[in-house]
Amino acid sequence: MRALDWSQQTVLVTGGAGFLGRVVCRKLRERGAKQVLVPRSEEHDLTHEEAVARLYDETEPDVVMHLAAEVGGIGANREQPGRYFFANLSMGLHLIEQARERKLRKFLQVGTICAYPKFATVPFKESELWEGYPEETNAPYGIAKKALLVMLQAYREQYGFPGIYLLPVNLYGPGDNFDLHSSHVIPALIRKFVHARDQGLAKVEVWGSGSASREFLYVEDCAEGLMLAAESYTGIEPVNLGTGHEITIKALAEKIRDLTEYGGDISWDSSKPDGQPRRCLDTSRASELFGFQAKTALDDGLLETIRWWETSQFDPN
């Protein structure tokens, strides 16, 4: 039984027009939410306190689901580390503080797997979040997000603030960002292989050695995990959201090559960084605390994502 009756809540979803946010907003409406509000960046720059205060005054939310973030792949993180640190920390800082002042019913903060130590023991357990420094290429982003966990825990202790913190692993699915400059690995690989297939290219170049491993969570599954947590989780400890299964980038690239029916070769550019050596989560806490388990197999999710890109791409080059 849900502890939160969505039909009685005004829900503000930052990032609600984005990849994950659109799915979350749909699930909110399917569960009976009548007031689902999505701020747009051109109207409300959430990195500024006055903009956040005005947004809360205009919308009067009961629940905030903070999904908005400035994110990118390894290349984008290396080029704009300062921006990623400032934007992600300041958005959360102002949203949490203004929510505290208004005594909101619940605040859900989405963190990042980039917050874990570079050489964290696999699978990553929430209790080991502070056992080392994050992987250098995305440390500013990861630390900014992790600071918001500290803020929520401090606010719970001092003010009784009802904030929860979720750590989704790498997401993928239809509607993902396919910009080669800022996308993550799955959409980047799908775009490269589809393009190479359609253009008859002999090979596709992929960053790194292929030895690093990652875990991937289908966007529908992640949205469901957030909903379950928002409905029934009230604890202060961070909670991983994932599948508990990892795959090397080499195996992933080969899988996407096969699923896109590209017949050429893969060329690995080992001069480019691999990023964190391994990523795989211990997902037992989410299962125990609010019954979350991912349902979508990687092959099925990849096929859905490939089909979406093939039917919606606007620039085949």
Protein backbone atom coordinates (compact mmCIF):
# COMPACT_ATOMS: atom_id res chain seq x y z
CA MET A 1 0.00 0.00 0.00
CA ARG A 2 1.36 3.40 -0.98
CA ALA A 3 2.04 5.84 1.81
CA LEU A 4 1.75 8.74 -0.65
CA ASP A 5 -1.56 9.43 -2.40
CA TRP A 6 -0.46 11.11 -5.61
CA SER A 7 -3.94 12.43 -6.38
CA GLN A 8 -3.64 14.72 -3.37
CA GLN A 9 -0.14 16.07 -4.15
CA THR A 10 1.20 18.89 -6.29
CA VAL A 11 4.41 17.41 -7.66
CA LEU A 12 7.26 19.50 -9.05
CA VAL A 13 9.62 17.49 -11.28
CA THR A 14 12.82 19.33 -12.17
CA GLY A 15 14.22 17.87 -15.36
CA GLY A 16 10.71 16.62 -16.11
CA ALA A 17 11.11 17.38 -19.82
CA GLY A 18 14.30 15.31 -20.00
CA PHE A 19 15.13 11.69 -20.71
CA LEU A 20 14.27 10.24 -17.30
CA GLY A 21 11.89 13.01 -16.31
CA ARG A 22 9.40 12.38 -19.11
CA VAL A 23 8.99 8.77 -17.97
CA VAL A 24 8.63 9.80 -14.32
CA CYS A 25 5.96 12.36 -15.22
CA ARG A 26 4.03 9.75 -17.20
CA LYS A 27 4.17 7.34 -14.27
CA LEU A 28 2.98 10.05 -11.89
CA ARG A 29 -0.08 10.70 -14.06
CA GLU A 30 -0.73 6.98 -14.42
CA ARG A 31 -0.76 6.75 -10.61
CA GLY A 32 -3.35 9.49 -10.32
CA ALA A 33 -1.33 12.69 -9.93
CA LYS A 34 -3.38 15.62 -11.19
CA GLN A 35 -0.81 18.38 -10.66
CA VAL A 36 2.55 17.48 -12.23
CA LEU A 37 4.60 20.62 -12.85
CA VAL A 38 7.74 20.80 -14.99
CA PRO A 39 9.88 23.97 -14.82
CA ARG A 40 11.74 24.98 -17.97
CA SER A 41 15.29 26.27 -17.82
CA GLU A 42 14.56 29.28 -20.01
CA GLU A 43 12.05 30.47 -17.40
CA HIS A 44 13.69 29.25 -14.19
CA ASP A 45 17.47 29.04 -13.91
CA LEU A 46 17.70 26.74 -10.91
CA THR A 47 21.32 27.66 -10.26
CA HIS A 48 20.05 30.99 -8.85
CA GLU A 49 18.36 31.16 -5.46
CA GLU A 50 15.87 33.85 -6.46
CA ALA A 51 14.70 31.76 -9.44
CA VAL A 52 14.12 28.74 -7.20
CA ALA A 53 12.23 30.83 -4.63
CA ARG A 54 10.04 32.28 -7.38
CA LEU A 55 9.39 28.81 -8.79
CA TYR A 56 8.24 27.51 -5.41
CA ASP A 57 6.07 30.58 -4.85
CA GLU A 58 4.41 30.10 -8.23
CA THR A 59 3.85 26.34 -8.03
CA GLU A 60 3.40 25.68 -4.26
CA PRO A 61 4.50 22.03 -4.51
CA ASP A 62 3.95 19.34 -1.89
CA VAL A 63 6.59 17.01 -3.33
CA VAL A 64 9.75 17.80 -5.30
CA MET A 65 11.52 15.20 -7.42
CA HIS A 66 14.84 16.77 -8.36
CA LEU A 67 16.03 15.04 -11.53
CA ALA A 68 17.56 18.03 -13.31
CA ALA A 69 21.31 17.90 -13.87
CA GLU A 70 24.00 19.11 -16.21
CA VAL A 71 25.67 15.96 -17.46
CA GLY A 72 27.85 14.63 -20.25
CA GLY A 73 30.25 11.91 -21.24
CA ILE A 74 33.97 11.74 -20.49
CA GLY A 75 34.85 14.36 -23.10
CA ALA A 76 32.31 16.89 -21.88
CA ASN A 77 33.32 16.33 -18.24
CA ARG A 78 36.97 16.98 -19.10
CA GLU A 79 36.10 20.21 -20.91
CA GLN A 80 33.69 21.71 -18.35
CA PRO A 81 34.51 20.36 -14.87
CA GLY A 82 33.87 23.70 -13.20
CA ARG A 83 30.49 24.17 -14.83
CA TYR A 84 29.35 20.67 -13.92
CA PHE A 85 30.40 21.17 -10.31
CA PHE A 86 28.76 24.58 -9.92
CA ALA A 87 25.53 23.87 -11.77
CA ASN A 88 24.76 20.57 -10.06
CA LEU A 89 25.68 21.71 -6.57
CA SER A 90 23.89 25.06 -6.79
CA MET A 91 20.65 23.62 -8.17
CA GLY A 92 20.36 21.11 -5.36
CA LEU A 93 21.51 23.57 -2.72
CA HIS A 94 18.81 26.12 -3.52
CA LEU A 95 16.04 23.59 -4.13
CA ILE A 96 16.64 21.83 -0.81
CA GLU A 97 16.96 25.02 1.23
CA GLN A 98 13.84 26.60 -0.24
CA ALA A 99 11.94 23.33 0.25
CA ARG A 100 13.00 23.30 3.91
CA GLU A 101 11.76 26.84 4.43
CA ARG A 102 8.36 25.90 2.97
CA LYS A 103 8.11 22.61 4.90
CA LEU A 104 7.44 20.44 1.85
CA ARG A 105 6.10 16.95 2.40
CA LYS A 106 8.89 15.13 0.53
CA PHE A 107 12.04 15.85 -1.45
CA LEU A 108 13.62 13.22 -3.71
CA GLN A 109 17.18 13.85 -4.84
CA VAL A 110 18.70 11.84 -7.68
CA GLY A 111 22.42 11.32 -7.19
CA THR A 112 24.95 9.74 -9.51
CA ILE A 113 27.02 6.59 -9.69
CA CYS A 114 29.97 8.91 -10.44
CA ALA A 115 30.03 9.71 -6.72
CA TYR A 116 31.51 6.31 -5.86
CA PRO A 117 35.28 5.94 -5.35
CA LYS A 118 37.31 5.16 -8.46
CA PHE A 119 38.45 1.84 -7.04
CA ALA A 120 35.36 0.97 -5.03
CA THR A 121 34.87 -2.69 -4.19
CA VAL A 122 32.54 -4.33 -6.72
CA PRO A 123 29.60 -4.53 -6.34
CA PHE A 124 29.32 -0.99 -4.97
CA LYS A 125 27.64 -0.86 -1.57
CA GLU A 126 26.11 2.35 -0.30
CA SER A 127 28.14 1.99 2.90
CA GLU A 128 31.36 2.41 0.88
CA LEU A 129 30.40 5.67 -0.79
CA TRP A 130 33.08 7.57 1.15
CA GLU A 131 35.91 5.04 0.86
CA GLY A 132 37.94 6.99 -1.73
CA TYR A 133 38.04 9.71 -4.37
CA PRO A 134 35.84 9.40 -7.50
CA GLU A 135 37.24 8.73 -10.97
CA GLU A 136 39.04 11.94 -11.95
CA THR A 137 37.29 12.73 -15.25
CA ASN A 138 33.88 13.05 -13.60
CA ALA A 139 34.85 13.77 -9.98
CA PRO A 140 33.57 17.39 -9.96
CA TYR A 141 30.12 16.24 -11.06
CA GLY A 142 30.12 13.27 -8.70
CA ILE A 143 31.28 15.24 -5.67
CA ALA A 144 28.74 18.00 -6.28
CA LYS A 145 25.97 15.41 -6.27
CA LYS A 146 27.39 13.63 -3.22
CA ALA A 147 27.49 16.91 -1.29
CA LEU A 148 23.72 17.05 -1.63
CA LEU A 149 23.47 13.74 0.23
CA VAL A 150 25.36 15.33 3.10
CA MET A 151 23.05 18.33 2.97
CA LEU A 152 19.94 16.14 3.12
CA GLN A 153 21.32 14.13 6.03
CA ALA A 154 22.26 17.29 7.91
CA TYR A 155 18.84 18.81 7.25
CA ARG A 156 17.14 15.62 8.44
CA GLU A 157 19.15 15.73 11.67
CA GLN A 158 18.64 19.41 12.39
CA TYR A 159 15.24 20.21 10.85
CA GLY A 160 13.54 16.84 10.32
CA PHE A 161 13.58 17.55 6.58
CA PRO A 162 11.95 14.66 4.63
CA GLY A 163 14.58 14.19 1.93
CA ILE A 164 15.62 10.90 0.31
CA TYR A 165 18.60 10.18 -1.95
CA LEU A 166 18.74 7.64 -4.79
CA LEU A 167 21.81 6.52 -6.77
CA PRO A 168 20.81 5.24 -10.22
CA VAL A 169 23.43 3.45 -12.29
CA ASN A 170 24.03 4.44 -15.95
CA LEU A 171 20.69 4.87 -17.73
CA TYR A 172 19.73 4.12 -21.31
CA GLY A 173 16.59 3.78 -23.40
CA PRO A 174 14.37 5.50 -25.99
CA GLY A 175 14.63 9.28 -25.81
CA ASP A 176 18.24 9.27 -24.61
CA ASN A 177 20.77 11.94 -25.66
CA PHE A 178 22.36 10.85 -28.95
CA ASP A 179 24.63 13.89 -29.41
CA LEU A 180 28.07 12.37 -29.96
CA HIS A 181 29.78 15.19 -28.07
CA SER A 182 27.79 14.88 -24.84
CA SER A 183 26.09 11.47 -24.93
CA HIS A 184 26.93 8.48 -22.79
CA VAL A 185 28.27 5.21 -24.12
CA ILE A 186 25.13 3.33 -25.25
CA PRO A 187 23.54 6.06 -27.39
CA ALA A 188 26.98 6.99 -28.76
CA LEU A 189 27.66 3.41 -29.82
CA ILE A 190 24.19 2.94 -31.29
CA ARG A 191 24.53 6.10 -33.35
CA LYS A 192 28.01 5.17 -34.58
CA PHE A 193 27.06 1.63 -35.59
CA VAL A 194 23.81 2.62 -37.29
CA HIS A 195 25.62 5.34 -39.22
CA ALA A 196 28.46 2.99 -40.22
CA ARG A 197 25.96 0.34 -41.31
CA ASP A 198 23.92 2.77 -43.39
CA GLN A 199 27.02 4.34 -44.97
CA GLY A 200 28.82 1.05 -45.58
CA LEU A 201 31.85 2.02 -43.48
CA ALA A 202 34.50 -0.61 -42.83
CA LYS A 203 35.09 0.20 -39.15
CA VAL A 204 33.83 2.13 -36.14
CA GLU A 205 36.21 3.83 -33.73
CA VAL A 206 35.43 3.54 -30.01
CA TRP A 207 37.14 5.36 -27.15
CA GLY A 208 39.30 3.47 -24.67
CA SER A 209 40.53 -0.10 -24.47
CA GLY A 210 37.15 -1.73 -23.94
CA SER A 211 38.29 -3.30 -20.67
CA ALA A 212 36.23 -1.10 -18.34
CA SER A 213 32.90 -2.51 -17.19
CA ARG A 214 29.58 -0.79 -16.66
CA GLU A 215 26.10 -1.60 -15.41
CA PHE A 216 23.10 -0.22 -17.28
CA LEU A 217 19.53 0.41 -16.12
CA TYR A 218 16.65 0.82 -18.56
CA VAL A 219 14.97 4.20 -18.12
CA GLU A 220 11.51 2.69 -17.48
CA ASP A 221 12.94 0.59 -14.66
CA CYS A 222 14.71 3.57 -13.11
CA ALA A 223 11.55 5.68 -13.18
CA GLU A 224 9.65 2.89 -11.45
CA GLY A 225 12.35 2.69 -8.78
CA LEU A 226 12.06 6.43 -8.13
CA MET A 227 8.30 6.16 -7.86
CA LEU A 228 8.47 3.30 -5.37
CA ALA A 229 11.00 5.20 -3.27
CA ALA A 230 8.97 8.40 -3.32
CA GLU A 231 5.86 6.49 -2.28
CA SER A 232 7.20 4.48 0.61
CA TYR A 233 10.87 5.14 1.48
CA THR A 234 11.50 7.59 4.30
CA GLY A 235 15.05 6.72 5.34
CA ILE A 236 18.13 8.93 5.33
CA GLU A 237 20.57 6.43 3.84
CA PRO A 238 21.37 6.56 0.10
CA VAL A 239 19.93 3.76 -2.02
CA ASN A 240 21.36 2.27 -5.23
CA LEU A 241 19.09 1.67 -8.23
CA GLY A 242 20.40 -0.81 -10.77
CA THR A 243 20.32 -4.35 -12.10
CA GLY A 244 23.31 -5.80 -10.25
CA HIS A 245 24.88 -7.01 -13.54
CA GLU A 246 27.94 -5.56 -15.30
CA ILE A 247 29.29 -5.85 -18.84
CA THR A 248 32.63 -4.76 -20.31
CA ILE A 249 32.56 -1.95 -22.85
CA LYS A 250 34.13 -4.36 -25.36
CA ALA A 251 31.31 -6.87 -24.92
CA LEU A 252 28.74 -4.07 -25.00
CA ALA A 253 30.14 -2.68 -28.27
CA GLU A 254 30.11 -6.14 -29.83
CA LYS A 255 26.53 -6.68 -28.66
CA ILE A 256 25.35 -3.37 -30.14
CA ARG A 257 27.24 -4.11 -33.36
CA ASP A 258 25.32 -7.38 -33.67
CA LEU A 259 21.95 -5.90 -32.71
CA THR A 260 22.32 -3.10 -35.28
CA GLU A 261 23.41 -5.67 -37.89
CA TYR A 262 26.62 -3.81 -38.66
CA GLY A 263 29.16 -6.10 -40.32
CA GLY A 264 32.36 -4.05 -39.97
CA ASP A 265 35.17 -3.93 -37.45
CA ILE A 266 35.64 -2.09 -34.15
CA SER A 267 38.79 0.02 -33.74
CA TRP A 268 39.73 0.83 -30.14
CA ASP A 269 41.40 4.19 -29.45
CA SER A 270 43.38 3.34 -26.32
CA SER A 271 44.78 6.89 -26.17
CA LYS A 272 41.37 7.95 -24.86
CA PRO A 273 40.44 7.32 -21.21
CA ASP A 274 38.38 4.36 -20.05
CA GLY A 275 36.95 6.20 -17.07
CA GLN A 276 36.22 4.26 -13.89
CA PRO A 277 37.57 0.69 -14.20
CA ARG A 278 34.39 -1.07 -13.06
CA ARG A 279 30.84 -0.15 -12.14
CA CYS A 280 28.36 -2.60 -10.70
CA LEU A 281 25.94 -2.04 -7.84
CA ASP A 282 24.75 -3.96 -4.85
CA THR A 283 21.00 -3.46 -5.29
CA SER A 284 19.82 -5.35 -2.21
CA ARG A 285 18.94 -2.22 -0.21
CA ALA A 286 16.37 -1.04 -2.81
CA SER A 287 14.81 -4.48 -2.89
CA GLU A 288 14.58 -4.71 0.88
CA LEU A 289 13.40 -1.16 1.58
CA PHE A 290 10.83 -0.57 -1.15
CA GLY A 291 10.63 -3.71 -3.27
CA PHE A 292 12.46 -2.48 -6.36
CA GLN A 293 13.90 -4.92 -8.89
CA ALA A 294 14.80 -4.09 -12.49
CA LYS A 295 12.74 -6.04 -15.03
CA THR A 296 14.22 -5.22 -18.45
CA ALA A 297 16.95 -7.47 -19.86
CA LEU A 298 19.85 -5.61 -21.51
CA ASP A 299 19.27 -7.10 -24.97
CA ASP A 300 15.58 -6.16 -24.87
CA GLY A 301 16.32 -2.62 -23.73
CA LEU A 302 19.03 -2.15 -26.35
CA LEU A 303 16.71 -3.32 -29.13
CA GLU A 304 14.03 -0.85 -28.04
CA THR A 305 16.61 1.94 -27.94
CA ILE A 306 18.01 1.05 -31.36
CA ARG A 307 14.52 0.98 -32.88
CA TRP A 308 13.73 4.35 -31.35
CA TRP A 309 16.88 5.91 -32.78
CA GLU A 310 16.35 4.40 -36.23
CA THR A 311 12.83 5.84 -36.44
CA SER A 312 13.44 9.23 -34.84
CA GLN A 313 16.91 10.36 -35.86
CA PHE A 314 16.93 13.73 -37.58
CA ASP A 315 20.56 13.78 -38.72
CA PRO A 316 21.94 10.49 -40.10
CA ASN A 317 25.42 12.03 -40.30
